[in-house]
Amino acid sequence: MKLSLNHSILGQRQSFTEYVALAADCGYAGVGVNIDEIVALGPDSANELFAKYSVEPAAWNLPVNWRESEEEFRTDMSDLPAAAELAASIGCTRCCTWI
């Protein structure tokens, strides 16, 4: 387990690069990852960013809306394997959501 920054506590939205840099500046070893940001950035660029700031991805968001309709849940579940593969490609082996 590593001390990690989660973007939801910051109160404002930064770019992913700014967020990772802030985590490093504040002494965090990891960051919570929004998997959509990794899709946009690409796994190679994300890994370069983590290496540059010596910060590791700690956990990624579960991109499955289980709180709404069955149809939305099933659609999101069908996309989950690809998201999990992407997370694994950046070394992020933990996933989280909230209740």
C-alpha atoms as a PDB file:
ATOM      1  CA  MET A   1       0.000   0.000   0.000  1.00  0.00           C
ATOM      2  CA  LYS A   2       1.291   3.453  -0.853  1.00  0.00           C
ATOM      3  CA  LEU A   3       0.190   6.943   0.119  1.00  0.00           C
ATOM      4  CA  SER A   4      -1.698   8.178  -2.938  1.00  0.00           C
ATOM      5  CA  LEU A   5      -3.361  11.368  -4.062  1.00  0.00           C
ATOM      6  CA  ASN A   6      -6.916  11.140  -5.374  1.00  0.00           C
ATOM      7  CA  HIS A   7      -8.044  13.909  -7.718  1.00  0.00           C
ATOM      8  CA  SER A   8     -11.525  14.006  -6.172  1.00  0.00           C
ATOM      9  CA  ILE A   9     -10.196  15.741  -3.041  1.00  0.00           C
ATOM     10  CA  LEU A  10      -8.541  18.627  -4.866  1.00  0.00           C
ATOM     11  CA  GLY A  11     -11.628  20.742  -5.501  1.00  0.00           C
ATOM     12  CA  GLN A  12     -10.543  21.776  -8.973  1.00  0.00           C
ATOM     13  CA  ARG A  13      -9.650  19.966 -12.148  1.00  0.00           C
ATOM     14  CA  GLN A  14      -6.062  19.862 -13.349  1.00  0.00           C
ATOM     15  CA  SER A  15      -4.635  18.257 -16.420  1.00  0.00           C
ATOM     16  CA  PHE A  16      -3.405  14.736 -15.785  1.00  0.00           C
ATOM     17  CA  THR A  17       0.191  15.957 -16.093  1.00  0.00           C
ATOM     18  CA  GLU A  18      -0.406  18.702 -13.513  1.00  0.00           C
ATOM     19  CA  TYR A  19      -2.088  16.205 -11.216  1.00  0.00           C
ATOM     20  CA  VAL A  20       0.821  13.741 -11.340  1.00  0.00           C
ATOM     21  CA  ALA A  21       3.332  16.573 -10.873  1.00  0.00           C
ATOM     22  CA  LEU A  22       1.368  17.870  -7.867  1.00  0.00           C
ATOM     23  CA  ALA A  23       1.353  14.412  -6.310  1.00  0.00           C
ATOM     24  CA  ALA A  24       5.120  14.201  -6.704  1.00  0.00           C
ATOM     25  CA  ASP A  25       5.655  17.723  -5.334  1.00  0.00           C
ATOM     26  CA  CYS A  26       3.575  16.864  -2.261  1.00  0.00           C
ATOM     27  CA  GLY A  27       5.448  13.623  -1.600  1.00  0.00           C
ATOM     28  CA  TYR A  28       2.798  11.124  -2.688  1.00  0.00           C
ATOM     29  CA  ALA A  29       4.057   7.785  -3.980  1.00  0.00           C
ATOM     30  CA  GLY A  30       0.947   7.135  -6.078  1.00  0.00           C
ATOM     31  CA  VAL A  31      -2.105   8.623  -7.727  1.00  0.00           C
ATOM     32  CA  GLY A  32      -5.630   7.475  -8.311  1.00  0.00           C
ATOM     33  CA  VAL A  33      -6.183   7.049 -12.037  1.00  0.00           C
ATOM     34  CA  ASN A  34      -9.222   7.913 -14.120  1.00  0.00           C
ATOM     35  CA  ILE A  35      -8.999   5.300 -16.858  1.00  0.00           C
ATOM     36  CA  ASP A  36     -10.522   7.713 -19.413  1.00  0.00           C
ATOM     37  CA  GLU A  37      -7.505   9.989 -18.945  1.00  0.00           C
ATOM     38  CA  ILE A  38      -5.200   7.073 -19.706  1.00  0.00           C
ATOM     39  CA  VAL A  39      -7.213   6.321 -22.846  1.00  0.00           C
ATOM     40  CA  ALA A  40      -6.750   9.943 -23.957  1.00  0.00           C
ATOM     41  CA  LEU A  41      -3.052  10.061 -23.060  1.00  0.00           C
ATOM     42  CA  GLY A  42      -2.115   6.567 -24.193  1.00  0.00           C
ATOM     43  CA  PRO A  43      -0.389   3.981 -22.010  1.00  0.00           C
ATOM     44  CA  ASP A  44       3.147   4.718 -23.246  1.00  0.00           C
ATOM     45  CA  SER A  45       2.817   8.433 -22.507  1.00  0.00           C
ATOM     46  CA  ALA A  46       1.228   7.678 -19.132  1.00  0.00           C
ATOM     47  CA  ASN A  47       4.103   5.351 -18.201  1.00  0.00           C
ATOM     48  CA  GLU A  48       6.618   8.023 -19.238  1.00  0.00           C
ATOM     49  CA  LEU A  49       4.800  10.568 -17.072  1.00  0.00           C
ATOM     50  CA  PHE A  50       4.792   8.248 -14.052  1.00  0.00           C
ATOM     51  CA  ALA A  51       8.515   7.566 -14.522  1.00  0.00           C
ATOM     52  CA  LYS A  52       9.331  11.269 -14.939  1.00  0.00           C
ATOM     53  CA  TYR A  53       7.715  12.135 -11.592  1.00  0.00           C
ATOM     54  CA  SER A  54       8.503   8.846  -9.785  1.00  0.00           C
ATOM     55  CA  VAL A  55       4.807   8.356  -9.031  1.00  0.00           C
ATOM     56  CA  GLU A  56       2.957   5.081  -9.549  1.00  0.00           C
ATOM     57  CA  PRO A  57      -0.674   4.515 -10.477  1.00  0.00           C
ATOM     58  CA  ALA A  58      -2.362   3.279  -7.301  1.00  0.00           C
ATOM     59  CA  ALA A  59      -5.919   2.410  -8.349  1.00  0.00           C
ATOM     60  CA  TRP A  60      -8.178   3.115 -11.291  1.00  0.00           C
ATOM     61  CA  ASN A  61     -11.841   4.018 -11.279  1.00  0.00           C
ATOM     62  CA  LEU A  62     -14.386   1.319 -12.016  1.00  0.00           C
ATOM     63  CA  PRO A  63     -15.966   2.569 -15.265  1.00  0.00           C
ATOM     64  CA  VAL A  64     -19.185   0.657 -14.664  1.00  0.00           C
ATOM     65  CA  ASN A  65     -22.331   2.512 -13.666  1.00  0.00           C
ATOM     66  CA  TRP A  66     -24.007  -0.063 -11.448  1.00  0.00           C
ATOM     67  CA  ARG A  67     -26.286   2.519  -9.842  1.00  0.00           C
ATOM     68  CA  GLU A  68     -28.559   3.140 -12.822  1.00  0.00           C
ATOM     69  CA  SER A  69     -30.298   1.004 -15.434  1.00  0.00           C
ATOM     70  CA  GLU A  70     -29.596  -2.641 -16.175  1.00  0.00           C
ATOM     71  CA  GLU A  71     -28.943  -1.689 -19.806  1.00  0.00           C
ATOM     72  CA  GLU A  72     -26.284   0.863 -18.863  1.00  0.00           C
ATOM     73  CA  PHE A  73     -24.707  -1.620 -16.444  1.00  0.00           C
ATOM     74  CA  ARG A  74     -24.480  -4.331 -19.119  1.00  0.00           C
ATOM     75  CA  THR A  75     -23.041  -1.928 -21.691  1.00  0.00           C
ATOM     76  CA  ASP A  76     -20.410  -0.734 -19.240  1.00  0.00           C
ATOM     77  CA  MET A  77     -19.591  -4.313 -18.231  1.00  0.00           C
ATOM     78  CA  SER A  78     -18.918  -5.205 -21.853  1.00  0.00           C
ATOM     79  CA  ASP A  79     -16.242  -2.471 -21.950  1.00  0.00           C
ATOM     80  CA  LEU A  80     -14.641  -3.525 -18.659  1.00  0.00           C
ATOM     81  CA  PRO A  81     -12.139  -6.106 -20.025  1.00  0.00           C
ATOM     82  CA  ALA A  82     -10.541  -3.515 -22.329  1.00  0.00           C
ATOM     83  CA  ALA A  83     -10.307  -1.011 -19.462  1.00  0.00           C
ATOM     84  CA  ALA A  84      -8.714  -3.660 -17.238  1.00  0.00           C
ATOM     85  CA  GLU A  85      -6.145  -4.492 -19.921  1.00  0.00           C
ATOM     86  CA  LEU A  86      -5.298  -0.800 -20.274  1.00  0.00           C
ATOM     87  CA  ALA A  87      -4.915  -0.422 -16.514  1.00  0.00           C
ATOM     88  CA  ALA A  88      -2.656  -3.474 -16.401  1.00  0.00           C
ATOM     89  CA  SER A  89      -0.504  -1.994 -19.171  1.00  0.00           C
ATOM     90  CA  ILE A  90       0.370   0.924 -16.865  1.00  0.00           C
ATOM     91  CA  GLY A  91       0.942  -1.356 -13.873  1.00  0.00           C
ATOM     92  CA  CYS A  92      -2.290  -0.413 -12.137  1.00  0.00           C
ATOM     93  CA  THR A  93      -3.657  -3.622 -10.639  1.00  0.00           C
ATOM     94  CA  ARG A  94      -6.246  -2.164  -8.262  1.00  0.00           C
ATOM     95  CA  CYS A  95      -9.693  -0.858  -9.136  1.00  0.00           C
ATOM     96  CA  CYS A  96     -12.093   1.084  -6.924  1.00  0.00           C
ATOM     97  CA  THR A  97     -15.502   2.682  -6.772  1.00  0.00           C
ATOM     98  CA  TRP A  98     -17.660   4.138  -4.038  1.00  0.00           C
ATOM     99  CA  ILE A  99     -21.025   3.259  -2.581  1.00  0.00           C
END
